[in-house]
């Protein structure tokens, strides 16, 4: 017997899948497909590895009717919306409306042709809400002269990755809003005491800065952290001028004692080796933007006072460096 002679390799006994028109199998979406789906929830359960039961057809939601309303294993409502055509905005809106109207935990949208923008919308919904949204593609297939069979494919659905991404995006959005509020208050108060950052607008970032009075040598930056803040003179003249930045840093460092005496506190002198820029920084520990907002005014006062003292202490030496021949 030839070991290479395997009858299973005979292509003549392997059938080919062919797709047939859905309307040939289910002529009417509501009367045929939805009724069939009501009696065959196992095809969804097997694909999604969930357990939904007790489907009811055409359940009223206001002036609309949900194709199917079922229950998950915890008794929570599950809506199933069928569409034997290309996905559209109208049905996406219905899915969201039905879900919120009956406070369902799961929405399943079955279509014959899922558009990419709707797949993206479902992924976004899974990131942004606590409900689970599934977009499924339905096809009818046949092998040879066999009876038609349904083929469901998961296009988009919830996952640990999408949930985590949604949590991270929400945290980023909240953080950005909070920081912008922090900077709005600080910059408004700073205008009353110094013109240094008077033309700066609040941002989403964790820092704001200005190159005022530095002759293109760098920036005076405020930085706020979750539980602390810093002010700094960031020496970075741009255009690849690492040598000029280091020269300015060395010049100021030669006057370190005078600068720190005028500033009234020790400073951190950071050459930042391997980078183009250099930094002279002062840390303000304790309160940050994530702490009680009632503590922000005190932090703002400390940051503004430190920035004014830093600019005053460095100004004559920067001017002297810029005026060198």
C-alpha atoms as a PDB file:
ATOM      1  CA  UNK A   1       0.000   0.000   0.000  1.00  0.00           C
ATOM      2  CA  UNK A   2       1.431   3.329  -1.000  1.00  0.00           C
ATOM      3  CA  UNK A   3       1.503   5.584   2.099  1.00  0.00           C
ATOM      4  CA  UNK A   4       1.299   8.600  -0.156  1.00  0.00           C
ATOM      5  CA  UNK A   5      -1.884   7.341  -1.723  1.00  0.00           C
ATOM      6  CA  UNK A   6      -4.538   8.839   0.567  1.00  0.00           C
ATOM      7  CA  UNK A   7      -8.069   8.793  -0.726  1.00  0.00           C
ATOM      8  CA  UNK A   8      -8.784  12.027   1.175  1.00  0.00           C
ATOM      9  CA  UNK A   9      -6.490  13.843  -1.230  1.00  0.00           C
ATOM     10  CA  UNK A  10      -8.851  13.074  -4.084  1.00  0.00           C
ATOM     11  CA  UNK A  11     -10.208  16.500  -4.977  1.00  0.00           C
ATOM     12  CA  UNK A  12     -13.227  14.918  -6.588  1.00  0.00           C
ATOM     13  CA  UNK A  13     -14.791  14.173  -3.184  1.00  0.00           C
ATOM     14  CA  UNK A  14     -14.201  17.639  -1.701  1.00  0.00           C
ATOM     15  CA  UNK A  15     -17.119  19.937  -2.347  1.00  0.00           C
ATOM     16  CA  UNK A  16     -16.826  23.647  -2.985  1.00  0.00           C
ATOM     17  CA  UNK A  17     -18.707  26.265  -1.029  1.00  0.00           C
ATOM     18  CA  UNK A  18     -20.859  28.544  -3.088  1.00  0.00           C
ATOM     19  CA  UNK A  19     -22.741  31.532  -1.787  1.00  0.00           C
ATOM     20  CA  UNK A  20     -26.363  31.993  -2.657  1.00  0.00           C
ATOM     21  CA  UNK A  21     -28.559  35.052  -2.438  1.00  0.00           C
ATOM     22  CA  UNK A  22     -30.031  35.577   1.009  1.00  0.00           C
ATOM     23  CA  UNK A  23     -33.422  36.472  -0.375  1.00  0.00           C
ATOM     24  CA  UNK A  24     -33.557  33.069  -2.020  1.00  0.00           C
ATOM     25  CA  UNK A  25     -33.321  31.454   1.410  1.00  0.00           C
ATOM     26  CA  UNK A  26     -35.239  34.076   3.410  1.00  0.00           C
ATOM     27  CA  UNK A  27     -37.472  36.022   1.000  1.00  0.00           C
ATOM     28  CA  UNK A  28     -38.765  38.379   3.688  1.00  0.00           C
ATOM     29  CA  UNK A  29     -36.555  39.774   6.442  1.00  0.00           C
ATOM     30  CA  UNK A  30     -39.176  39.976   9.196  1.00  0.00           C
ATOM     31  CA  UNK A  31     -41.403  37.038   8.290  1.00  0.00           C
ATOM     32  CA  UNK A  32     -38.690  34.579   7.299  1.00  0.00           C
ATOM     33  CA  UNK A  33     -35.241  35.529   8.575  1.00  0.00           C
ATOM     34  CA  UNK A  34     -36.237  36.953  11.947  1.00  0.00           C
ATOM     35  CA  UNK A  35     -38.572  34.018  12.567  1.00  0.00           C
ATOM     36  CA  UNK A  36     -35.822  31.578  11.641  1.00  0.00           C
ATOM     37  CA  UNK A  37     -33.332  33.399  13.885  1.00  0.00           C
ATOM     38  CA  UNK A  38     -35.780  33.264  16.798  1.00  0.00           C
ATOM     39  CA  UNK A  39     -35.715  29.474  16.568  1.00  0.00           C
ATOM     40  CA  UNK A  40     -31.966  29.190  15.940  1.00  0.00           C
ATOM     41  CA  UNK A  41     -30.244  31.305  18.559  1.00  0.00           C
ATOM     42  CA  UNK A  42     -27.664  28.549  18.946  1.00  0.00           C
ATOM     43  CA  UNK A  43     -25.896  29.792  15.812  1.00  0.00           C
ATOM     44  CA  UNK A  44     -25.211  33.080  17.624  1.00  0.00           C
ATOM     45  CA  UNK A  45     -24.343  31.366  20.894  1.00  0.00           C
ATOM     46  CA  UNK A  46     -21.814  29.084  19.191  1.00  0.00           C
ATOM     47  CA  UNK A  47     -20.128  31.954  17.361  1.00  0.00           C
ATOM     48  CA  UNK A  48     -19.960  34.397  20.270  1.00  0.00           C
ATOM     49  CA  UNK A  49     -19.601  31.837  23.039  1.00  0.00           C
ATOM     50  CA  UNK A  50     -22.488  33.331  24.963  1.00  0.00           C
ATOM     51  CA  UNK A  51     -25.841  31.947  26.072  1.00  0.00           C
ATOM     52  CA  UNK A  52     -28.951  33.834  24.995  1.00  0.00           C
ATOM     53  CA  UNK A  53     -32.460  32.350  25.164  1.00  0.00           C
ATOM     54  CA  UNK A  54     -36.166  33.197  25.123  1.00  0.00           C
ATOM     55  CA  UNK A  55     -36.236  35.413  22.048  1.00  0.00           C
ATOM     56  CA  UNK A  56     -39.404  37.421  21.391  1.00  0.00           C
ATOM     57  CA  UNK A  57     -40.193  38.994  18.021  1.00  0.00           C
ATOM     58  CA  UNK A  58     -41.261  42.552  17.238  1.00  0.00           C
ATOM     59  CA  UNK A  59     -41.189  43.865  20.789  1.00  0.00           C
ATOM     60  CA  UNK A  60     -42.410  47.448  20.926  1.00  0.00           C
ATOM     61  CA  UNK A  61     -40.004  50.232  21.918  1.00  0.00           C
ATOM     62  CA  UNK A  62     -41.879  53.511  21.666  1.00  0.00           C
ATOM     63  CA  UNK A  63     -42.900  53.891  18.027  1.00  0.00           C
ATOM     64  CA  UNK A  64     -40.387  51.216  16.928  1.00  0.00           C
ATOM     65  CA  UNK A  65     -40.307  47.430  17.054  1.00  0.00           C
ATOM     66  CA  UNK A  66     -37.169  45.491  17.939  1.00  0.00           C
ATOM     67  CA  UNK A  67     -36.655  42.478  15.661  1.00  0.00           C
ATOM     68  CA  UNK A  68     -35.780  40.196  18.578  1.00  0.00           C
ATOM     69  CA  UNK A  69     -35.404  40.679  22.309  1.00  0.00           C
ATOM     70  CA  UNK A  70     -33.789  37.766  24.138  1.00  0.00           C
ATOM     71  CA  UNK A  71     -32.193  37.197  27.549  1.00  0.00           C
ATOM     72  CA  UNK A  72     -28.645  36.443  28.572  1.00  0.00           C
ATOM     73  CA  UNK A  73     -27.821  33.891  31.261  1.00  0.00           C
ATOM     74  CA  UNK A  74     -28.280  36.560  33.948  1.00  0.00           C
ATOM     75  CA  UNK A  75     -31.707  37.558  32.700  1.00  0.00           C
ATOM     76  CA  UNK A  76     -30.548  40.827  31.125  1.00  0.00           C
ATOM     77  CA  UNK A  77     -32.238  41.905  27.871  1.00  0.00           C
ATOM     78  CA  UNK A  78     -30.369  41.293  24.608  1.00  0.00           C
ATOM     79  CA  UNK A  79     -31.531  43.026  21.435  1.00  0.00           C
ATOM     80  CA  UNK A  80     -31.006  41.504  17.980  1.00  0.00           C
ATOM     81  CA  UNK A  81     -31.511  43.716  14.936  1.00  0.00           C
ATOM     82  CA  UNK A  82     -31.553  42.039  11.511  1.00  0.00           C
ATOM     83  CA  UNK A  83     -30.778  43.644   8.188  1.00  0.00           C
ATOM     84  CA  UNK A  84     -30.524  41.531   5.024  1.00  0.00           C
ATOM     85  CA  UNK A  85     -28.737  44.306   3.190  1.00  0.00           C
ATOM     86  CA  UNK A  86     -25.795  46.675   3.518  1.00  0.00           C
ATOM     87  CA  UNK A  87     -25.498  48.220   6.993  1.00  0.00           C
ATOM     88  CA  UNK A  88     -26.747  51.796   7.216  1.00  0.00           C
ATOM     89  CA  UNK A  89     -26.903  54.714   9.638  1.00  0.00           C
ATOM     90  CA  UNK A  90     -30.615  54.237  10.243  1.00  0.00           C
ATOM     91  CA  UNK A  91     -30.191  50.751  11.655  1.00  0.00           C
ATOM     92  CA  UNK A  92     -27.156  51.758  13.708  1.00  0.00           C
ATOM     93  CA  UNK A  93     -29.297  54.479  15.281  1.00  0.00           C
ATOM     94  CA  UNK A  94     -32.058  51.960  15.942  1.00  0.00           C
ATOM     95  CA  UNK A  95     -29.642  49.575  17.655  1.00  0.00           C
ATOM     96  CA  UNK A  96     -28.473  52.313  20.028  1.00  0.00           C
ATOM     97  CA  UNK A  97     -32.028  53.542  20.623  1.00  0.00           C
ATOM     98  CA  UNK A  98     -33.350  50.064  21.406  1.00  0.00           C
ATOM     99  CA  UNK A  99     -30.418  49.287  23.675  1.00  0.00           C
ATOM    100  CA  UNK A 100     -30.919  52.385  25.805  1.00  0.00           C
ATOM    101  CA  UNK A 101     -34.736  52.219  25.751  1.00  0.00           C
ATOM    102  CA  UNK A 102     -34.957  48.769  27.306  1.00  0.00           C
ATOM    103  CA  UNK A 103     -31.665  49.053  29.239  1.00  0.00           C
ATOM    104  CA  UNK A 104     -30.176  46.030  27.527  1.00  0.00           C
ATOM    105  CA  UNK A 105     -26.621  44.896  28.211  1.00  0.00           C
ATOM    106  CA  UNK A 106     -25.974  43.421  24.769  1.00  0.00           C
ATOM    107  CA  UNK A 107     -26.803  44.457  21.204  1.00  0.00           C
ATOM    108  CA  UNK A 108     -26.352  42.157  18.184  1.00  0.00           C
ATOM    109  CA  UNK A 109     -26.639  43.663  14.712  1.00  0.00           C
ATOM    110  CA  UNK A 110     -26.811  41.128  11.881  1.00  0.00           C
ATOM    111  CA  UNK A 111     -26.284  42.408   8.328  1.00  0.00           C
ATOM    112  CA  UNK A 112     -25.450  40.955   4.929  1.00  0.00           C
ATOM    113  CA  UNK A 113     -22.881  43.611   4.042  1.00  0.00           C
ATOM    114  CA  UNK A 114     -21.166  45.422   6.950  1.00  0.00           C
ATOM    115  CA  UNK A 115     -19.678  48.755   5.909  1.00  0.00           C
ATOM    116  CA  UNK A 116     -16.246  49.616   7.380  1.00  0.00           C
ATOM    117  CA  UNK A 117     -17.487  52.826   8.977  1.00  0.00           C
ATOM    118  CA  UNK A 118     -20.146  50.893  10.876  1.00  0.00           C
ATOM    119  CA  UNK A 119     -17.611  48.310  12.027  1.00  0.00           C
ATOM    120  CA  UNK A 120     -15.517  51.198  13.352  1.00  0.00           C
ATOM    121  CA  UNK A 121     -18.584  52.676  15.035  1.00  0.00           C
ATOM    122  CA  UNK A 122     -19.291  49.385  16.812  1.00  0.00           C
ATOM    123  CA  UNK A 123     -15.682  49.163  17.989  1.00  0.00           C
ATOM    124  CA  UNK A 124     -15.943  52.737  19.306  1.00  0.00           C
ATOM    125  CA  UNK A 125     -19.166  51.886  21.132  1.00  0.00           C
ATOM    126  CA  UNK A 126     -17.435  48.946  22.805  1.00  0.00           C
ATOM    127  CA  UNK A 127     -14.663  51.281  23.936  1.00  0.00           C
ATOM    128  CA  UNK A 128     -17.014  54.019  25.124  1.00  0.00           C
ATOM    129  CA  UNK A 129     -19.931  52.239  26.802  1.00  0.00           C
ATOM    130  CA  UNK A 130     -20.507  49.485  29.334  1.00  0.00           C
ATOM    131  CA  UNK A 131     -22.759  47.548  26.926  1.00  0.00           C
ATOM    132  CA  UNK A 132     -21.513  44.883  24.506  1.00  0.00           C
ATOM    133  CA  UNK A 133     -22.048  45.553  20.797  1.00  0.00           C
ATOM    134  CA  UNK A 134     -21.655  42.875  18.138  1.00  0.00           C
ATOM    135  CA  UNK A 135     -21.707  43.335  14.377  1.00  0.00           C
ATOM    136  CA  UNK A 136     -22.244  40.036  12.517  1.00  0.00           C
ATOM    137  CA  UNK A 137     -22.235  39.250   8.811  1.00  0.00           C
ATOM    138  CA  UNK A 138     -24.825  36.718   7.601  1.00  0.00           C
ATOM    139  CA  UNK A 139     -24.311  34.673   4.432  1.00  0.00           C
ATOM    140  CA  UNK A 140     -26.083  31.657   2.936  1.00  0.00           C
ATOM    141  CA  UNK A 141     -23.840  28.914   1.580  1.00  0.00           C
ATOM    142  CA  UNK A 142     -24.285  25.620  -0.200  1.00  0.00           C
ATOM    143  CA  UNK A 143     -21.988  22.692  -0.980  1.00  0.00           C
ATOM    144  CA  UNK A 144     -22.948  20.944  -4.166  1.00  0.00           C
ATOM    145  CA  UNK A 145     -26.687  20.353  -4.070  1.00  0.00           C
ATOM    146  CA  UNK A 146     -26.918  20.455  -0.286  1.00  0.00           C
ATOM    147  CA  UNK A 147     -29.529  22.418   1.590  1.00  0.00           C
ATOM    148  CA  UNK A 148     -28.617  26.074   2.160  1.00  0.00           C
ATOM    149  CA  UNK A 149     -26.795  26.740   5.425  1.00  0.00           C
ATOM    150  CA  UNK A 150     -26.229  29.956   7.344  1.00  0.00           C
ATOM    151  CA  UNK A 151     -22.715  31.336   7.821  1.00  0.00           C
ATOM    152  CA  UNK A 152     -22.255  33.948  10.541  1.00  0.00           C
ATOM    153  CA  UNK A 153     -19.013  35.896  10.834  1.00  0.00           C
ATOM    154  CA  UNK A 154     -18.049  38.204  13.677  1.00  0.00           C
ATOM    155  CA  UNK A 155     -17.020  41.571  12.216  1.00  0.00           C
ATOM    156  CA  UNK A 156     -16.712  43.596  15.419  1.00  0.00           C
ATOM    157  CA  UNK A 157     -17.372  42.909  19.064  1.00  0.00           C
ATOM    158  CA  UNK A 158     -16.224  43.617  22.614  1.00  0.00           C
ATOM    159  CA  UNK A 159     -12.925  42.345  23.981  1.00  0.00           C
ATOM    160  CA  UNK A 160     -10.572  42.972  26.860  1.00  0.00           C
ATOM    161  CA  UNK A 161      -8.406  44.999  24.486  1.00  0.00           C
ATOM    162  CA  UNK A 162     -11.255  47.302  23.428  1.00  0.00           C
ATOM    163  CA  UNK A 163     -12.439  47.681  27.012  1.00  0.00           C
ATOM    164  CA  UNK A 164      -8.934  48.597  28.154  1.00  0.00           C
ATOM    165  CA  UNK A 165      -8.535  51.006  25.231  1.00  0.00           C
ATOM    166  CA  UNK A 166     -11.825  52.636  26.157  1.00  0.00           C
ATOM    167  CA  UNK A 167     -10.759  53.062  29.775  1.00  0.00           C
ATOM    168  CA  UNK A 168      -7.446  54.563  28.720  1.00  0.00           C
ATOM    169  CA  UNK A 169      -9.094  56.973  26.271  1.00  0.00           C
ATOM    170  CA  UNK A 170     -11.542  58.089  28.942  1.00  0.00           C
ATOM    171  CA  UNK A 171      -8.709  58.656  31.414  1.00  0.00           C
ATOM    172  CA  UNK A 172      -6.750  60.646  28.831  1.00  0.00           C
ATOM    173  CA  UNK A 173      -9.777  62.800  28.021  1.00  0.00           C
ATOM    174  CA  UNK A 174     -10.469  63.466  31.692  1.00  0.00           C
ATOM    175  CA  UNK A 175      -6.813  64.249  32.308  1.00  0.00           C
ATOM    176  CA  UNK A 176      -6.676  66.682  29.391  1.00  0.00           C
ATOM    177  CA  UNK A 177      -9.810  68.522  30.505  1.00  0.00           C
ATOM    178  CA  UNK A 178      -8.489  68.793  34.050  1.00  0.00           C
ATOM    179  CA  UNK A 179      -5.086  70.086  32.941  1.00  0.00           C
ATOM    180  CA  UNK A 180      -6.613  72.710  30.661  1.00  0.00           C
ATOM    181  CA  UNK A 181      -8.736  73.911  33.548  1.00  0.00           C
ATOM    182  CA  UNK A 182      -5.632  74.019  35.746  1.00  0.00           C
ATOM    183  CA  UNK A 183      -3.685  76.104  33.195  1.00  0.00           C
ATOM    184  CA  UNK A 184      -6.608  78.469  32.590  1.00  0.00           C
ATOM    185  CA  UNK A 185      -6.695  79.370  36.255  1.00  0.00           C
ATOM    186  CA  UNK A 186      -2.908  79.627  36.616  1.00  0.00           C
ATOM    187  CA  UNK A 187      -2.362  81.805  33.524  1.00  0.00           C
ATOM    188  CA  UNK A 188      -5.205  84.124  34.457  1.00  0.00           C
ATOM    189  CA  UNK A 189      -3.707  84.628  37.915  1.00  0.00           C
ATOM    190  CA  UNK A 190      -0.155  84.978  36.528  1.00  0.00           C
ATOM    191  CA  UNK A 191      -1.193  87.924  34.333  1.00  0.00           C
ATOM    192  CA  UNK A 192      -1.818  89.928  37.492  1.00  0.00           C
ATOM    193  CA  UNK A 193       1.806  89.527  38.589  1.00  0.00           C
ATOM    194  CA  UNK A 194       3.967  89.166  35.468  1.00  0.00           C
ATOM    195  CA  UNK A 195       3.749  89.599  31.694  1.00  0.00           C
ATOM    196  CA  UNK A 196       6.007  86.602  31.131  1.00  0.00           C
ATOM    197  CA  UNK A 197       3.211  84.213  30.066  1.00  0.00           C
ATOM    198  CA  UNK A 198       0.557  86.834  29.303  1.00  0.00           C
ATOM    199  CA  UNK A 199       0.214  85.769  25.658  1.00  0.00           C
ATOM    200  CA  UNK A 200       0.094  82.024  26.313  1.00  0.00           C
ATOM    201  CA  UNK A 201      -3.159  80.079  25.970  1.00  0.00           C
ATOM    202  CA  UNK A 202      -4.047  77.098  28.185  1.00  0.00           C
ATOM    203  CA  UNK A 203      -3.414  73.697  26.617  1.00  0.00           C
ATOM    204  CA  UNK A 204      -4.189  70.014  27.178  1.00  0.00           C
ATOM    205  CA  UNK A 205      -0.505  69.275  27.811  1.00  0.00           C
ATOM    206  CA  UNK A 206       1.237  68.913  31.131  1.00  0.00           C
ATOM    207  CA  UNK A 207       3.314  72.030  30.425  1.00  0.00           C
ATOM    208  CA  UNK A 208       3.024  75.568  29.117  1.00  0.00           C
ATOM    209  CA  UNK A 209       5.949  77.808  28.247  1.00  0.00           C
ATOM    210  CA  UNK A 210       7.170  81.016  26.690  1.00  0.00           C
ATOM    211  CA  UNK A 211      10.405  82.161  25.066  1.00  0.00           C
ATOM    212  CA  UNK A 212       9.797  85.757  26.099  1.00  0.00           C
ATOM    213  CA  UNK A 213      13.008  87.709  26.827  1.00  0.00           C
ATOM    214  CA  UNK A 214      15.249  84.732  25.968  1.00  0.00           C
ATOM    215  CA  UNK A 215      16.311  85.794  22.483  1.00  0.00           C
ATOM    216  CA  UNK A 216      15.505  82.398  21.008  1.00  0.00           C
ATOM    217  CA  UNK A 217      17.627  80.657  23.615  1.00  0.00           C
ATOM    218  CA  UNK A 218      14.869  78.535  25.138  1.00  0.00           C
ATOM    219  CA  UNK A 219      11.677  78.704  27.200  1.00  0.00           C
ATOM    220  CA  UNK A 220      10.438  79.366  30.688  1.00  0.00           C
ATOM    221  CA  UNK A 221       8.136  76.402  31.341  1.00  0.00           C
ATOM    222  CA  UNK A 222       5.525  75.552  33.910  1.00  0.00           C
ATOM    223  CA  UNK A 223       4.980  71.786  34.312  1.00  0.00           C
ATOM    224  CA  UNK A 224       2.271  70.151  36.389  1.00  0.00           C
ATOM    225  CA  UNK A 225       2.208  66.513  37.432  1.00  0.00           C
ATOM    226  CA  UNK A 226      -0.437  64.375  39.071  1.00  0.00           C
ATOM    227  CA  UNK A 227       0.942  65.188  42.512  1.00  0.00           C
ATOM    228  CA  UNK A 228       3.510  67.922  42.058  1.00  0.00           C
ATOM    229  CA  UNK A 229       4.772  70.665  39.780  1.00  0.00           C
ATOM    230  CA  UNK A 230       7.971  72.221  38.437  1.00  0.00           C
ATOM    231  CA  UNK A 231       9.157  75.466  36.882  1.00  0.00           C
ATOM    232  CA  UNK A 232      12.214  75.573  34.655  1.00  0.00           C
ATOM    233  CA  UNK A 233      14.427  77.433  32.254  1.00  0.00           C
ATOM    234  CA  UNK A 234      14.650  75.042  29.309  1.00  0.00           C
ATOM    235  CA  UNK A 235      17.630  75.899  27.140  1.00  0.00           C
ATOM    236  CA  UNK A 236      16.972  74.791  23.581  1.00  0.00           C
ATOM    237  CA  UNK A 237      17.658  77.273  20.834  1.00  0.00           C
ATOM    238  CA  UNK A 238      16.602  74.830  18.126  1.00  0.00           C
ATOM    239  CA  UNK A 239      18.162  74.294  14.702  1.00  0.00           C
ATOM    240  CA  UNK A 240      20.430  71.588  16.089  1.00  0.00           C
ATOM    241  CA  UNK A 241      22.313  74.159  18.210  1.00  0.00           C
ATOM    242  CA  UNK A 242      23.426  71.783  20.978  1.00  0.00           C
ATOM    243  CA  UNK A 243      26.735  73.614  21.281  1.00  0.00           C
ATOM    244  CA  UNK A 244      25.019  76.961  21.851  1.00  0.00           C
ATOM    245  CA  UNK A 245      22.659  75.433  24.401  1.00  0.00           C
ATOM    246  CA  UNK A 246      25.555  73.884  26.320  1.00  0.00           C
ATOM    247  CA  UNK A 247      27.498  77.129  26.103  1.00  0.00           C
ATOM    248  CA  UNK A 248      24.566  79.052  27.609  1.00  0.00           C
ATOM    249  CA  UNK A 249      24.128  76.412  30.307  1.00  0.00           C
ATOM    250  CA  UNK A 250      27.855  76.537  31.188  1.00  0.00           C
ATOM    251  CA  UNK A 251      27.798  80.313  31.295  1.00  0.00           C
ATOM    252  CA  UNK A 252      24.818  80.346  33.662  1.00  0.00           C
ATOM    253  CA  UNK A 253      26.360  77.575  35.761  1.00  0.00           C
ATOM    254  CA  UNK A 254      29.435  79.745  36.259  1.00  0.00           C
ATOM    255  CA  UNK A 255      27.066  82.146  38.011  1.00  0.00           C
ATOM    256  CA  UNK A 256      25.217  79.394  39.874  1.00  0.00           C
ATOM    257  CA  UNK A 257      25.848  80.785  43.350  1.00  0.00           C
ATOM    258  CA  UNK A 258      24.579  84.228  42.398  1.00  0.00           C
ATOM    259  CA  UNK A 259      21.534  82.846  40.577  1.00  0.00           C
ATOM    260  CA  UNK A 260      20.542  80.525  43.426  1.00  0.00           C
ATOM    261  CA  UNK A 261      21.117  83.279  45.969  1.00  0.00           C
ATOM    262  CA  UNK A 262      18.805  85.611  44.017  1.00  0.00           C
ATOM    263  CA  UNK A 263      16.295  82.791  43.497  1.00  0.00           C
ATOM    264  CA  UNK A 264      16.465  82.054  47.253  1.00  0.00           C
ATOM    265  CA  UNK A 265      16.533  78.271  46.767  1.00  0.00           C
ATOM    266  CA  UNK A 266      18.831  75.595  45.320  1.00  0.00           C
ATOM    267  CA  UNK A 267      18.109  74.641  41.709  1.00  0.00           C
ATOM    268  CA  UNK A 268      18.596  71.464  39.691  1.00  0.00           C
ATOM    269  CA  UNK A 269      21.194  71.943  36.948  1.00  0.00           C
ATOM    270  CA  UNK A 270      20.661  69.294  34.289  1.00  0.00           C
ATOM    271  CA  UNK A 271      22.967  69.095  31.292  1.00  0.00           C
ATOM    272  CA  UNK A 272      20.797  66.301  29.798  1.00  0.00           C
ATOM    273  CA  UNK A 273      23.642  64.452  28.170  1.00  0.00           C
ATOM    274  CA  UNK A 274      22.758  62.846  24.863  1.00  0.00           C
ATOM    275  CA  UNK A 275      20.129  65.503  24.209  1.00  0.00           C
ATOM    276  CA  UNK A 276      20.315  68.834  22.511  1.00  0.00           C
ATOM    277  CA  UNK A 277      18.708  70.767  25.366  1.00  0.00           C
ATOM    278  CA  UNK A 278      19.726  71.656  28.945  1.00  0.00           C
ATOM    279  CA  UNK A 279      17.587  72.537  31.923  1.00  0.00           C
ATOM    280  CA  UNK A 280      17.609  74.552  35.144  1.00  0.00           C
ATOM    281  CA  UNK A 281      14.679  73.366  37.247  1.00  0.00           C
ATOM    282  CA  UNK A 282      12.942  73.838  40.565  1.00  0.00           C
ATOM    283  CA  UNK A 283      10.547  71.225  41.957  1.00  0.00           C
ATOM    284  CA  UNK A 284       7.398  72.117  43.866  1.00  0.00           C
ATOM    285  CA  UNK A 285       6.376  68.877  45.616  1.00  0.00           C
ATOM    286  CA  UNK A 286       3.032  67.951  47.038  1.00  0.00           C
ATOM    287  CA  UNK A 287      -0.143  69.093  45.338  1.00  0.00           C
ATOM    288  CA  UNK A 288      -0.728  68.474  41.623  1.00  0.00           C
ATOM    289  CA  UNK A 289      -3.578  68.753  39.132  1.00  0.00           C
ATOM    290  CA  UNK A 290      -5.107  65.429  40.261  1.00  0.00           C
ATOM    291  CA  UNK A 291      -5.394  66.586  43.854  1.00  0.00           C
ATOM    292  CA  UNK A 292      -8.251  68.521  45.423  1.00  0.00           C
ATOM    293  CA  UNK A 293      -9.030  71.550  43.251  1.00  0.00           C
ATOM    294  CA  UNK A 294      -9.441  73.568  46.415  1.00  0.00           C
ATOM    295  CA  UNK A 295      -5.646  73.300  46.772  1.00  0.00           C
ATOM    296  CA  UNK A 296      -4.946  74.629  43.272  1.00  0.00           C
ATOM    297  CA  UNK A 297      -4.842  78.345  44.216  1.00  0.00           C
ATOM    298  CA  UNK A 298      -2.060  77.712  46.733  1.00  0.00           C
ATOM    299  CA  UNK A 299      -0.103  75.706  44.151  1.00  0.00           C
ATOM    300  CA  UNK A 300      -0.660  78.405  41.518  1.00  0.00           C
ATOM    301  CA  UNK A 301       0.761  81.014  43.897  1.00  0.00           C
ATOM    302  CA  UNK A 302       3.852  78.890  44.554  1.00  0.00           C
ATOM    303  CA  UNK A 303       4.434  78.232  40.846  1.00  0.00           C
ATOM    304  CA  UNK A 304       3.980  81.849  39.801  1.00  0.00           C
ATOM    305  CA  UNK A 305       6.190  83.132  42.618  1.00  0.00           C
ATOM    306  CA  UNK A 306       8.918  80.609  41.744  1.00  0.00           C
ATOM    307  CA  UNK A 307       8.705  81.481  38.028  1.00  0.00           C
ATOM    308  CA  UNK A 308       9.047  85.208  38.718  1.00  0.00           C
ATOM    309  CA  UNK A 309      12.039  84.592  40.979  1.00  0.00           C
ATOM    310  CA  UNK A 310      13.690  82.294  38.398  1.00  0.00           C
ATOM    311  CA  UNK A 311      13.216  84.768  35.559  1.00  0.00           C
ATOM    312  CA  UNK A 312      14.539  87.651  37.673  1.00  0.00           C
ATOM    313  CA  UNK A 313      17.552  85.631  38.840  1.00  0.00           C
ATOM    314  CA  UNK A 314      18.508  84.456  35.332  1.00  0.00           C
ATOM    315  CA  UNK A 315      17.644  87.546  33.284  1.00  0.00           C
ATOM    316  CA  UNK A 316      20.845  89.591  33.769  1.00  0.00           C
ATOM    317  CA  UNK A 317      23.086  86.599  33.083  1.00  0.00           C
ATOM    318  CA  UNK A 318      21.133  85.574  29.970  1.00  0.00           C
ATOM    319  CA  UNK A 319      21.333  89.144  28.728  1.00  0.00           C
ATOM    320  CA  UNK A 320      25.057  89.147  29.365  1.00  0.00           C
ATOM    321  CA  UNK A 321      25.472  85.825  27.489  1.00  0.00           C
ATOM    322  CA  UNK A 322      23.462  87.074  24.497  1.00  0.00           C
ATOM    323  CA  UNK A 323      25.499  90.299  24.350  1.00  0.00           C
ATOM    324  CA  UNK A 324      28.871  88.538  24.244  1.00  0.00           C
ATOM    325  CA  UNK A 325      31.004  89.181  21.184  1.00  0.00           C
END
